[in-house]
Amino acid sequence: MRLMTQILIYLYASSMLIGAVTGGVTGEISLLLVILNLGCVLLLFLTHFSRWFFGGGMLGLLICAVLNGLALNSQITLTHFISRLLFTFVVSALYVRFVDYASQP
């Protein structure tokens, strides 16, 4: 289950990376938002080295979702935010249960 959780984290980070690069290339989101997204994705890719990277990456991508929604739609889509929040809670619970504690001596 630990491996599956790590794969889920990396898949999520990869999908956000693709979304940020695509949004930046098409000009839908600003360069600042692309850099912020990429920074949070990088934190998730470095999750293996520190649990702080996981927390910062997940929280950062949740904030990016709000900022991206404001940039793309000039509003926050409540259902999108709630689904991202629930996904963040589920992945965080999996991380705490199977990855974080498994790496403790």
PDB file of N, CA and C in Angstrom:
ATOM      1  N   MET A   1       0.822  -1.196   0.000  1.00  0.00           N
ATOM      2  CA  MET A   1       0.000   0.000   0.000  1.00  0.00           C
ATOM      3  C   MET A   1       0.867   1.262   0.000  1.00  0.00           C
ATOM      4  N   ARG A   2       2.045   1.134   0.606  1.00  0.00           N
ATOM      5  CA  ARG A   2       2.963   2.276   0.612  1.00  0.00           C
ATOM      6  C   ARG A   2       3.363   2.655  -0.810  1.00  0.00           C
ATOM      7  N   LEU A   3       3.705   1.669  -1.617  1.00  0.00           N
ATOM      8  CA  LEU A   3       4.110   1.920  -2.995  1.00  0.00           C
ATOM      9  C   LEU A   3       2.964   2.528  -3.796  1.00  0.00           C
ATOM     10  N   MET A   4       1.757   2.025  -3.602  1.00  0.00           N
ATOM     11  CA  MET A   4       0.597   2.559  -4.311  1.00  0.00           C
ATOM     12  C   MET A   4       0.336   4.018  -3.936  1.00  0.00           C
ATOM     13  N   THR A   5       0.515   4.352  -2.677  1.00  0.00           N
ATOM     14  CA  THR A   5       0.332   5.731  -2.228  1.00  0.00           C
ATOM     15  C   THR A   5       1.386   6.636  -2.854  1.00  0.00           C
ATOM     16  N   GLN A   6       2.620   6.176  -2.884  1.00  0.00           N
ATOM     17  CA  GLN A   6       3.679   6.976  -3.504  1.00  0.00           C
ATOM     18  C   GLN A   6       3.426   7.160  -4.996  1.00  0.00           C
ATOM     19  N   ILE A   7       2.957   6.113  -5.665  1.00  0.00           N
ATOM     20  CA  ILE A   7       2.636   6.219  -7.086  1.00  0.00           C
ATOM     21  C   ILE A   7       1.502   7.216  -7.301  1.00  0.00           C
ATOM     22  N   LEU A   8       0.488   7.180  -6.433  1.00  0.00           N
ATOM     23  CA  LEU A   8      -0.620   8.134  -6.526  1.00  0.00           C
ATOM     24  C   LEU A   8      -0.118   9.569  -6.376  1.00  0.00           C
ATOM     25  N   ILE A   9       0.789   9.796  -5.441  1.00  0.00           N
ATOM     26  CA  ILE A   9       1.357  11.132  -5.243  1.00  0.00           C
ATOM     27  C   ILE A   9       2.119  11.574  -6.488  1.00  0.00           C
ATOM     28  N   TYR A  10       2.921  10.687  -7.049  1.00  0.00           N
ATOM     29  CA  TYR A  10       3.693  11.038  -8.249  1.00  0.00           C
ATOM     30  C   TYR A  10       2.804  11.238  -9.472  1.00  0.00           C
ATOM     31  N   LEU A  11       1.735  10.463  -9.599  1.00  0.00           N
ATOM     32  CA  LEU A  11       0.798  10.669 -10.692  1.00  0.00           C
ATOM     33  C   LEU A  11       0.084  12.005 -10.563  1.00  0.00           C
ATOM     34  N   TYR A  12      -0.306  12.348  -9.353  1.00  0.00           N
ATOM     35  CA  TYR A  12      -0.956  13.634  -9.108  1.00  0.00           C
ATOM     36  C   TYR A  12      -0.002  14.776  -9.446  1.00  0.00           C
ATOM     37  N   ALA A  13       1.236  14.664  -8.991  1.00  0.00           N
ATOM     38  CA  ALA A  13       2.230  15.698  -9.284  1.00  0.00           C
ATOM     39  C   ALA A  13       2.475  15.803 -10.788  1.00  0.00           C
ATOM     40  N   SER A  14       2.540  14.659 -11.463  1.00  0.00           N
ATOM     41  CA  SER A  14       2.761  14.672 -12.909  1.00  0.00           C
ATOM     42  C   SER A  14       1.605  15.317 -13.657  1.00  0.00           C
ATOM     43  N   SER A  15       0.383  15.029 -13.237  1.00  0.00           N
ATOM     44  CA  SER A  15      -0.771  15.638 -13.906  1.00  0.00           C
ATOM     45  C   SER A  15      -0.804  17.143 -13.671  1.00  0.00           C
ATOM     46  N   MET A  16      -0.422  17.586 -12.486  1.00  0.00           N
ATOM     47  CA  MET A  16      -0.362  19.022 -12.216  1.00  0.00           C
ATOM     48  C   MET A  16       0.769  19.674 -13.003  1.00  0.00           C
ATOM     49  N   LEU A  17       1.858  18.963 -13.186  1.00  0.00           N
ATOM     50  CA  LEU A  17       2.966  19.472 -14.000  1.00  0.00           C
ATOM     51  C   LEU A  17       2.513  19.677 -15.449  1.00  0.00           C
ATOM     52  N   ILE A  18       1.830  18.696 -15.997  1.00  0.00           N
ATOM     53  CA  ILE A  18       1.332  18.801 -17.362  1.00  0.00           C
ATOM     54  C   ILE A  18       0.336  19.953 -17.479  1.00  0.00           C
ATOM     55  N   GLY A  19      -0.552  20.073 -16.504  1.00  0.00           N
ATOM     56  CA  GLY A  19      -1.534  21.155 -16.518  1.00  0.00           C
ATOM     57  C   GLY A  19      -0.895  22.529 -16.438  1.00  0.00           C
ATOM     58  N   ALA A  20       0.116  22.667 -15.592  1.00  0.00           N
ATOM     59  CA  ALA A  20       0.792  23.960 -15.448  1.00  0.00           C
ATOM     60  C   ALA A  20       1.545  24.337 -16.710  1.00  0.00           C
ATOM     61  N   VAL A  21       2.260  23.384 -17.271  1.00  0.00           N
ATOM     62  CA  VAL A  21       3.015  23.670 -18.500  1.00  0.00           C
ATOM     63  C   VAL A  21       2.065  23.985 -19.651  1.00  0.00           C
ATOM     64  N   THR A  22       0.994  23.213 -19.775  1.00  0.00           N
ATOM     65  CA  THR A  22       0.018  23.462 -20.843  1.00  0.00           C
ATOM     66  C   THR A  22      -0.634  24.831 -20.680  1.00  0.00           C
ATOM     67  N   GLY A  23      -1.031  25.162 -19.447  1.00  0.00           N
ATOM     68  CA  GLY A  23      -1.636  26.473 -19.197  1.00  0.00           C
ATOM     69  C   GLY A  23      -0.679  27.608 -19.464  1.00  0.00           C
ATOM     70  N   GLY A  24       0.587  27.400 -19.171  1.00  0.00           N
ATOM     71  CA  GLY A  24       1.583  28.423 -19.432  1.00  0.00           C
ATOM     72  C   GLY A  24       1.871  28.600 -20.905  1.00  0.00           C
ATOM     73  N   VAL A  25       1.966  27.486 -21.620  1.00  0.00           N
ATOM     74  CA  VAL A  25       2.266  27.549 -23.062  1.00  0.00           C
ATOM     75  C   VAL A  25       1.119  28.202 -23.830  1.00  0.00           C
ATOM     76  N   THR A  26      -0.107  27.875 -23.462  1.00  0.00           N
ATOM     77  CA  THR A  26      -1.261  28.448 -24.157  1.00  0.00           C
ATOM     78  C   THR A  26      -1.577  29.865 -23.695  1.00  0.00           C
ATOM     79  N   GLY A  27      -0.926  30.306 -22.625  1.00  0.00           N
ATOM     80  CA  GLY A  27      -1.149  31.657 -22.128  1.00  0.00           C
ATOM     81  C   GLY A  27      -2.386  31.807 -21.270  1.00  0.00           C
ATOM     82  N   GLU A  28      -2.986  30.693 -20.845  1.00  0.00           N
ATOM     83  CA  GLU A  28      -4.187  30.759 -20.018  1.00  0.00           C
ATOM     84  C   GLU A  28      -3.892  31.219 -18.598  1.00  0.00           C
ATOM     85  N   ILE A  29      -2.712  30.880 -18.097  1.00  0.00           N
ATOM     86  CA  ILE A  29      -2.328  31.338 -16.762  1.00  0.00           C
ATOM     87  C   ILE A  29      -0.995  32.084 -16.869  1.00  0.00           C
ATOM     88  N   SER A  30      -0.775  32.940 -15.906  1.00  0.00           N
ATOM     89  CA  SER A  30       0.419  33.791 -15.942  1.00  0.00           C
ATOM     90  C   SER A  30       1.678  32.995 -15.613  1.00  0.00           C
ATOM     91  N   LEU A  31       2.810  33.577 -15.953  1.00  0.00           N
ATOM     92  CA  LEU A  31       4.097  32.946 -15.677  1.00  0.00           C
ATOM     93  C   LEU A  31       4.286  32.745 -14.172  1.00  0.00           C
ATOM     94  N   LEU A  32       3.831  33.686 -13.377  1.00  0.00           N
ATOM     95  CA  LEU A  32       3.942  33.565 -11.918  1.00  0.00           C
ATOM     96  C   LEU A  32       3.184  32.340 -11.415  1.00  0.00           C
ATOM     97  N   LEU A  33       1.974  32.114 -11.930  1.00  0.00           N
ATOM     98  CA  LEU A  33       1.205  30.934 -11.530  1.00  0.00           C
ATOM     99  C   LEU A  33       1.857  29.647 -12.011  1.00  0.00           C
ATOM    100  N   VAL A  34       2.434  29.680 -13.187  1.00  0.00           N
ATOM    101  CA  VAL A  34       3.139  28.486 -13.694  1.00  0.00           C
ATOM    102  C   VAL A  34       4.299  28.158 -12.761  1.00  0.00           C
ATOM    103  N   ILE A  35       5.067  29.168 -12.382  1.00  0.00           N
ATOM    104  CA  ILE A  35       6.214  28.949 -11.486  1.00  0.00           C
ATOM    105  C   ILE A  35       5.751  28.450 -10.134  1.00  0.00           C
ATOM    106  N   LEU A  36       4.664  29.010  -9.609  1.00  0.00           N
ATOM    107  CA  LEU A  36       4.124  28.564  -8.320  1.00  0.00           C
ATOM    108  C   LEU A  36       3.677  27.105  -8.405  1.00  0.00           C
ATOM    109  N   ASN A  37       2.975  26.757  -9.481  1.00  0.00           N
ATOM    110  CA  ASN A  37       2.559  25.367  -9.686  1.00  0.00           C
ATOM    111  C   ASN A  37       3.767  24.440  -9.775  1.00  0.00           C
ATOM    112  N   LEU A  38       4.764  24.834 -10.544  1.00  0.00           N
ATOM    113  CA  LEU A  38       5.948  23.999 -10.716  1.00  0.00           C
ATOM    114  C   LEU A  38       6.707  23.824  -9.401  1.00  0.00           C
ATOM    115  N   GLY A  39       6.749  24.871  -8.584  1.00  0.00           N
ATOM    116  CA  GLY A  39       7.402  24.763  -7.281  1.00  0.00           C
ATOM    117  C   GLY A  39       6.705  23.761  -6.373  1.00  0.00           C
ATOM    118  N   CYS A  40       5.375  23.800  -6.373  1.00  0.00           N
ATOM    119  CA  CYS A  40       4.613  22.854  -5.557  1.00  0.00           C
ATOM    120  C   CYS A  40       4.742  21.430  -6.080  1.00  0.00           C
ATOM    121  N   VAL A  41       4.772  21.284  -7.401  1.00  0.00           N
ATOM    122  CA  VAL A  41       4.973  19.961  -7.999  1.00  0.00           C
ATOM    123  C   VAL A  41       6.354  19.423  -7.616  1.00  0.00           C
ATOM    124  N   LEU A  42       7.350  20.282  -7.656  1.00  0.00           N
ATOM    125  CA  LEU A  42       8.701  19.864  -7.269  1.00  0.00           C
ATOM    126  C   LEU A  42       8.722  19.380  -5.825  1.00  0.00           C
ATOM    127  N   LEU A  43       8.014  20.074  -4.942  1.00  0.00           N
ATOM    128  CA  LEU A  43       7.938  19.622  -3.547  1.00  0.00           C
ATOM    129  C   LEU A  43       7.337  18.225  -3.460  1.00  0.00           C
ATOM    130  N   LEU A  44       6.299  17.960  -4.239  1.00  0.00           N
ATOM    131  CA  LEU A  44       5.701  16.617  -4.208  1.00  0.00           C
ATOM    132  C   LEU A  44       6.653  15.563  -4.746  1.00  0.00           C
ATOM    133  N   PHE A  45       7.408  15.915  -5.772  1.00  0.00           N
ATOM    134  CA  PHE A  45       8.384  14.954  -6.293  1.00  0.00           C
ATOM    135  C   PHE A  45       9.495  14.677  -5.282  1.00  0.00           C
ATOM    136  N   LEU A  46       9.736  15.600  -4.361  1.00  0.00           N
ATOM    137  CA  LEU A  46      10.774  15.428  -3.339  1.00  0.00           C
ATOM    138  C   LEU A  46      10.222  14.880  -2.026  1.00  0.00           C
ATOM    139  N   THR A  47       8.973  14.451  -2.036  1.00  0.00           N
ATOM    140  CA  THR A  47       8.311  13.935  -0.836  1.00  0.00           C
ATOM    141  C   THR A  47       9.100  12.806  -0.178  1.00  0.00           C
ATOM    142  N   HIS A  48       9.777  12.039  -0.970  1.00  0.00           N
ATOM    143  CA  HIS A  48      10.537  10.894  -0.444  1.00  0.00           C
ATOM    144  C   HIS A  48      11.598  11.341   0.574  1.00  0.00           C
ATOM    145  N   PHE A  49      12.067  12.573   0.459  1.00  0.00           N
ATOM    146  CA  PHE A  49      13.152  13.037   1.319  1.00  0.00           C
ATOM    147  C   PHE A  49      12.684  13.689   2.612  1.00  0.00           C
ATOM    148  N   SER A  50      11.476  14.225   2.637  1.00  0.00           N
ATOM    149  CA  SER A  50      10.990  14.874   3.855  1.00  0.00           C
ATOM    150  C   SER A  50       9.472  14.965   3.838  1.00  0.00           C
ATOM    151  N   ARG A  51       8.860  14.729   4.978  1.00  0.00           N
ATOM    152  CA  ARG A  51       7.404  14.844   5.077  1.00  0.00           C
ATOM    153  C   ARG A  51       6.957  16.287   4.917  1.00  0.00           C
ATOM    154  N   TRP A  52       7.839  17.239   5.191  1.00  0.00           N
ATOM    155  CA  TRP A  52       7.495  18.658   5.032  1.00  0.00           C
ATOM    156  C   TRP A  52       7.281  19.000   3.565  1.00  0.00           C
ATOM    157  N   PHE A  53       8.000  18.337   2.680  1.00  0.00           N
ATOM    158  CA  PHE A  53       7.801  18.562   1.252  1.00  0.00           C
ATOM    159  C   PHE A  53       6.394  18.123   0.836  1.00  0.00           C
ATOM    160  N   PHE A  54       5.926  17.026   1.416  1.00  0.00           N
ATOM    161  CA  PHE A  54       4.577  16.551   1.092  1.00  0.00           C
ATOM    162  C   PHE A  54       3.531  17.574   1.520  1.00  0.00           C
ATOM    163  N   GLY A  55       3.599  18.005   2.746  1.00  0.00           N
ATOM    164  CA  GLY A  55       2.617  18.973   3.253  1.00  0.00           C
ATOM    165  C   GLY A  55       2.638  20.274   2.479  1.00  0.00           C
ATOM    166  N   GLY A  56       3.839  20.778   2.215  1.00  0.00           N
ATOM    167  CA  GLY A  56       3.954  22.021   1.465  1.00  0.00           C
ATOM    168  C   GLY A  56       3.456  21.885   0.041  1.00  0.00           C
ATOM    169  N   GLY A  57       3.759  20.758  -0.586  1.00  0.00           N
ATOM    170  CA  GLY A  57       3.320  20.530  -1.964  1.00  0.00           C
ATOM    171  C   GLY A  57       1.813  20.397  -2.082  1.00  0.00           C
ATOM    172  N   MET A  58       1.210  19.624  -1.188  1.00  0.00           N
ATOM    173  CA  MET A  58      -0.241  19.426  -1.248  1.00  0.00           C
ATOM    174  C   MET A  58      -0.992  20.711  -0.923  1.00  0.00           C
ATOM    175  N   LEU A  59      -0.555  21.401   0.117  1.00  0.00           N
ATOM    176  CA  LEU A  59      -1.207  22.664   0.472  1.00  0.00           C
ATOM    177  C   LEU A  59      -0.995  23.703  -0.628  1.00  0.00           C
ATOM    178  N   GLY A  60       0.209  23.742  -1.168  1.00  0.00           N
ATOM    179  CA  GLY A  60       0.506  24.682  -2.241  1.00  0.00           C
ATOM    180  C   GLY A  60      -0.334  24.431  -3.481  1.00  0.00           C
ATOM    181  N   LEU A  61      -0.520  23.165  -3.848  1.00  0.00           N
ATOM    182  CA  LEU A  61      -1.337  22.860  -5.028  1.00  0.00           C
ATOM    183  C   LEU A  61      -2.810  23.151  -4.786  1.00  0.00           C
ATOM    184  N   LEU A  62      -3.251  23.042  -3.537  1.00  0.00           N
ATOM    185  CA  LEU A  62      -4.624  23.423  -3.219  1.00  0.00           C
ATOM    186  C   LEU A  62      -4.804  24.932  -3.390  1.00  0.00           C
ATOM    187  N   ILE A  63      -3.828  25.699  -2.945  1.00  0.00           N
ATOM    188  CA  ILE A  63      -3.868  27.148  -3.137  1.00  0.00           C
ATOM    189  C   ILE A  63      -3.771  27.488  -4.619  1.00  0.00           C
ATOM    190  N   CYS A  64      -2.923  26.770  -5.341  1.00  0.00           N
ATOM    191  CA  CYS A  64      -2.802  26.976  -6.794  1.00  0.00           C
ATOM    192  C   CYS A  64      -4.127  26.713  -7.496  1.00  0.00           C
ATOM    193  N   ALA A  65      -4.893  25.729  -7.038  1.00  0.00           N
ATOM    194  CA  ALA A  65      -6.186  25.431  -7.654  1.00  0.00           C
ATOM    195  C   ALA A  65      -7.112  26.639  -7.551  1.00  0.00           C
ATOM    196  N   VAL A  66      -7.098  27.285  -6.396  1.00  0.00           N
ATOM    197  CA  VAL A  66      -7.920  28.486  -6.214  1.00  0.00           C
ATOM    198  C   VAL A  66      -7.427  29.608  -7.121  1.00  0.00           C
ATOM    199  N   LEU A  67      -6.120  29.835  -7.133  1.00  0.00           N
ATOM    200  CA  LEU A  67      -5.555  30.907  -7.961  1.00  0.00           C
ATOM    201  C   LEU A  67      -5.755  30.634  -9.452  1.00  0.00           C
ATOM    202  N   ASN A  68      -5.598  29.382  -9.863  1.00  0.00           N
ATOM    203  CA  ASN A  68      -5.826  29.028 -11.265  1.00  0.00           C
ATOM    204  C   ASN A  68      -7.292  29.246 -11.646  1.00  0.00           C
ATOM    205  N   GLY A  69      -8.204  28.890 -10.749  1.00  0.00           N
ATOM    206  CA  GLY A  69      -9.627  29.111 -11.009  1.00  0.00           C
ATOM    207  C   GLY A  69      -9.942  30.589 -11.164  1.00  0.00           C
ATOM    208  N   LEU A  70      -9.329  31.402 -10.314  1.00  0.00           N
ATOM    209  CA  LEU A  70      -9.533  32.848 -10.440  1.00  0.00           C
ATOM    210  C   LEU A  70      -8.944  33.376 -11.745  1.00  0.00           C
ATOM    211  N   ALA A  71      -7.796  32.856 -12.135  1.00  0.00           N
ATOM    212  CA  ALA A  71      -7.159  33.318 -13.365  1.00  0.00           C
ATOM    213  C   ALA A  71      -7.924  32.867 -14.612  1.00  0.00           C
ATOM    214  N   LEU A  72      -8.440  31.644 -14.590  1.00  0.00           N
ATOM    215  CA  LEU A  72      -9.107  31.102 -15.777  1.00  0.00           C
ATOM    216  C   LEU A  72     -10.570  31.522 -15.886  1.00  0.00           C
ATOM    217  N   ASN A  73     -11.272  31.553 -14.759  1.00  0.00           N
ATOM    218  CA  ASN A  73     -12.722  31.772 -14.776  1.00  0.00           C
ATOM    219  C   ASN A  73     -13.161  33.046 -14.070  1.00  0.00           C
ATOM    220  N   SER A  74     -12.242  33.760 -13.486  1.00  0.00           N
ATOM    221  CA  SER A  74     -12.534  34.962 -12.687  1.00  0.00           C
ATOM    222  C   SER A  74     -13.420  34.649 -11.487  1.00  0.00           C
ATOM    223  N   GLN A  75     -13.449  33.386 -11.102  1.00  0.00           N
ATOM    224  CA  GLN A  75     -14.203  32.972  -9.929  1.00  0.00           C
ATOM    225  C   GLN A  75     -13.696  31.617  -9.450  1.00  0.00           C
ATOM    226  N   ILE A  76     -14.050  31.286  -8.234  1.00  0.00           N
ATOM    227  CA  ILE A  76     -13.696  29.978  -7.690  1.00  0.00           C
ATOM    228  C   ILE A  76     -14.891  29.058  -7.889  1.00  0.00           C
ATOM    229  N   THR A  77     -14.665  27.935  -8.538  1.00  0.00           N
ATOM    230  CA  THR A  77     -15.729  26.949  -8.708  1.00  0.00           C
ATOM    231  C   THR A  77     -15.766  26.097  -7.451  1.00  0.00           C
ATOM    232  N   LEU A  78     -16.863  26.224  -6.704  1.00  0.00           N
ATOM    233  CA  LEU A  78     -16.964  25.576  -5.393  1.00  0.00           C
ATOM    234  C   LEU A  78     -16.846  24.055  -5.486  1.00  0.00           C
ATOM    235  N   THR A  79     -17.489  23.455  -6.460  1.00  0.00           N
ATOM    236  CA  THR A  79     -17.427  21.994  -6.568  1.00  0.00           C
ATOM    237  C   THR A  79     -16.011  21.523  -6.884  1.00  0.00           C
ATOM    238  N   HIS A  80     -15.293  22.274  -7.705  1.00  0.00           N
ATOM    239  CA  HIS A  80     -13.911  21.919  -8.022  1.00  0.00           C
ATOM    240  C   HIS A  80     -13.043  22.038  -6.779  1.00  0.00           C
ATOM    241  N   PHE A  81     -13.229  23.103  -6.017  1.00  0.00           N
ATOM    242  CA  PHE A  81     -12.434  23.288  -4.806  1.00  0.00           C
ATOM    243  C   PHE A  81     -12.729  22.190  -3.786  1.00  0.00           C
ATOM    244  N   ILE A  82     -13.998  21.865  -3.614  1.00  0.00           N
ATOM    245  CA  ILE A  82     -14.361  20.823  -2.635  1.00  0.00           C
ATOM    246  C   ILE A  82     -13.784  19.473  -3.061  1.00  0.00           C
ATOM    247  N   SER A  83     -13.842  19.165  -4.353  1.00  0.00           N
ATOM    248  CA  SER A  83     -13.285  17.882  -4.809  1.00  0.00           C
ATOM    249  C   SER A  83     -11.768  17.857  -4.612  1.00  0.00           C
ATOM    250  N   ARG A  84     -11.089  18.968  -4.864  1.00  0.00           N
ATOM    251  CA  ARG A  84      -9.641  19.027  -4.642  1.00  0.00           C
ATOM    252  C   ARG A  84      -9.319  18.925  -3.148  1.00  0.00           C
ATOM    253  N   LEU A  85     -10.147  19.545  -2.318  1.00  0.00           N
ATOM    254  CA  LEU A  85      -9.946  19.477  -0.871  1.00  0.00           C
ATOM    255  C   LEU A  85     -10.116  18.044  -0.374  1.00  0.00           C
ATOM    256  N   LEU A  86     -11.150  17.364  -0.842  1.00  0.00           N
ATOM    257  CA  LEU A  86     -11.366  15.963  -0.449  1.00  0.00           C
ATOM    258  C   LEU A  86     -10.223  15.074  -0.934  1.00  0.00           C
ATOM    259  N   PHE A  87      -9.771  15.298  -2.167  1.00  0.00           N
ATOM    260  CA  PHE A  87      -8.643  14.530  -2.689  1.00  0.00           C
ATOM    261  C   PHE A  87      -7.398  14.760  -1.834  1.00  0.00           C
ATOM    262  N   THR A  88      -7.163  16.013  -1.444  1.00  0.00           N
ATOM    263  CA  THR A  88      -6.020  16.339  -0.588  1.00  0.00           C
ATOM    264  C   THR A  88      -6.121  15.613   0.748  1.00  0.00           C
ATOM    265  N   PHE A  89      -7.321  15.585   1.340  1.00  0.00           N
ATOM    266  CA  PHE A  89      -7.508  14.879   2.611  1.00  0.00           C
ATOM    267  C   PHE A  89      -7.252  13.385   2.468  1.00  0.00           C
ATOM    268  N   VAL A  90      -7.769  12.787   1.412  1.00  0.00           N
ATOM    269  CA  VAL A  90      -7.604  11.342   1.206  1.00  0.00           C
ATOM    270  C   VAL A  90      -6.134  10.997   0.994  1.00  0.00           C
ATOM    271  N   VAL A  91      -5.461  11.717   0.110  1.00  0.00           N
ATOM    272  CA  VAL A  91      -4.049  11.432  -0.154  1.00  0.00           C
ATOM    273  C   VAL A  91      -3.214  11.691   1.102  1.00  0.00           C
ATOM    274  N   SER A  92      -3.546  12.727   1.850  1.00  0.00           N
ATOM    275  CA  SER A  92      -2.816  13.015   3.088  1.00  0.00           C
ATOM    276  C   SER A  92      -3.005  11.907   4.110  1.00  0.00           C
ATOM    277  N   ALA A  93      -4.222  11.396   4.227  1.00  0.00           N
ATOM    278  CA  ALA A  93      -4.481  10.292   5.158  1.00  0.00           C
ATOM    279  C   ALA A  93      -3.704   9.042   4.733  1.00  0.00           C
ATOM    280  N   LEU A  94      -3.699   8.749   3.435  1.00  0.00           N
ATOM    281  CA  LEU A  94      -2.924   7.609   2.938  1.00  0.00           C
ATOM    282  C   LEU A  94      -1.435   7.806   3.216  1.00  0.00           C
ATOM    283  N   TYR A  95      -0.959   9.028   3.005  1.00  0.00           N
ATOM    284  CA  TYR A  95       0.454   9.313   3.240  1.00  0.00           C
ATOM    285  C   TYR A  95       0.821   9.105   4.709  1.00  0.00           C
ATOM    286  N   VAL A  96       0.012   9.644   5.587  1.00  0.00           N
ATOM    287  CA  VAL A  96       0.296   9.512   7.025  1.00  0.00           C
ATOM    288  C   VAL A  96       0.226   8.055   7.455  1.00  0.00           C
ATOM    289  N   ARG A  97      -0.746   7.334   6.937  1.00  0.00           N
ATOM    290  CA  ARG A  97      -0.943   5.933   7.354  1.00  0.00           C
ATOM    291  C   ARG A  97       0.125   4.997   6.795  1.00  0.00           C
ATOM    292  N   PHE A  98       0.469   5.144   5.515  1.00  0.00           N
ATOM    293  CA  PHE A  98       1.294   4.139   4.878  1.00  0.00           C
ATOM    294  C   PHE A  98       2.718   4.582   4.540  1.00  0.00           C
ATOM    295  N   VAL A  99       2.947   5.855   4.369  1.00  0.00           N
ATOM    296  CA  VAL A  99       4.276   6.292   3.935  1.00  0.00           C
ATOM    297  C   VAL A  99       5.053   6.923   5.077  1.00  0.00           C
ATOM    298  N   ASP A 100       4.468   7.915   5.714  1.00  0.00           N
ATOM    299  CA  ASP A 100       5.184   8.665   6.744  1.00  0.00           C
ATOM    300  C   ASP A 100       5.592   7.774   7.906  1.00  0.00           C
ATOM    301  N   TYR A 101       4.665   7.002   8.451  1.00  0.00           N
ATOM    302  CA  TYR A 101       4.977   6.166   9.598  1.00  0.00           C
ATOM    303  C   TYR A 101       5.820   4.948   9.210  1.00  0.00           C
ATOM    304  N   ALA A 102       5.682   4.518   7.990  1.00  0.00           N
ATOM    305  CA  ALA A 102       6.481   3.369   7.537  1.00  0.00           C
ATOM    306  C   ALA A 102       7.960   3.715   7.444  1.00  0.00           C
ATOM    307  N   SER A 103       8.273   4.994   7.249  1.00  0.00           N
ATOM    308  CA  SER A 103       9.667   5.394   7.125  1.00  0.00           C
ATOM    309  C   SER A 103      10.307   5.688   8.488  1.00  0.00           C
ATOM    310  N   GLN A 104       9.514   5.652   9.551  1.00  0.00           N
ATOM    311  CA  GLN A 104      10.050   5.881  10.899  1.00  0.00           C
ATOM    312  C   GLN A 104      10.743   4.614  11.388  1.00  0.00           C
ATOM    313  N   PRO A 105      11.808   4.757  12.188  1.00  0.00           N
ATOM    314  CA  PRO A 105      12.502   3.556  12.692  1.00  0.00           C
ATOM    315  C   PRO A 105      11.680   2.784  13.686  1.00  0.00           C
TER     316      PRO A 105
END
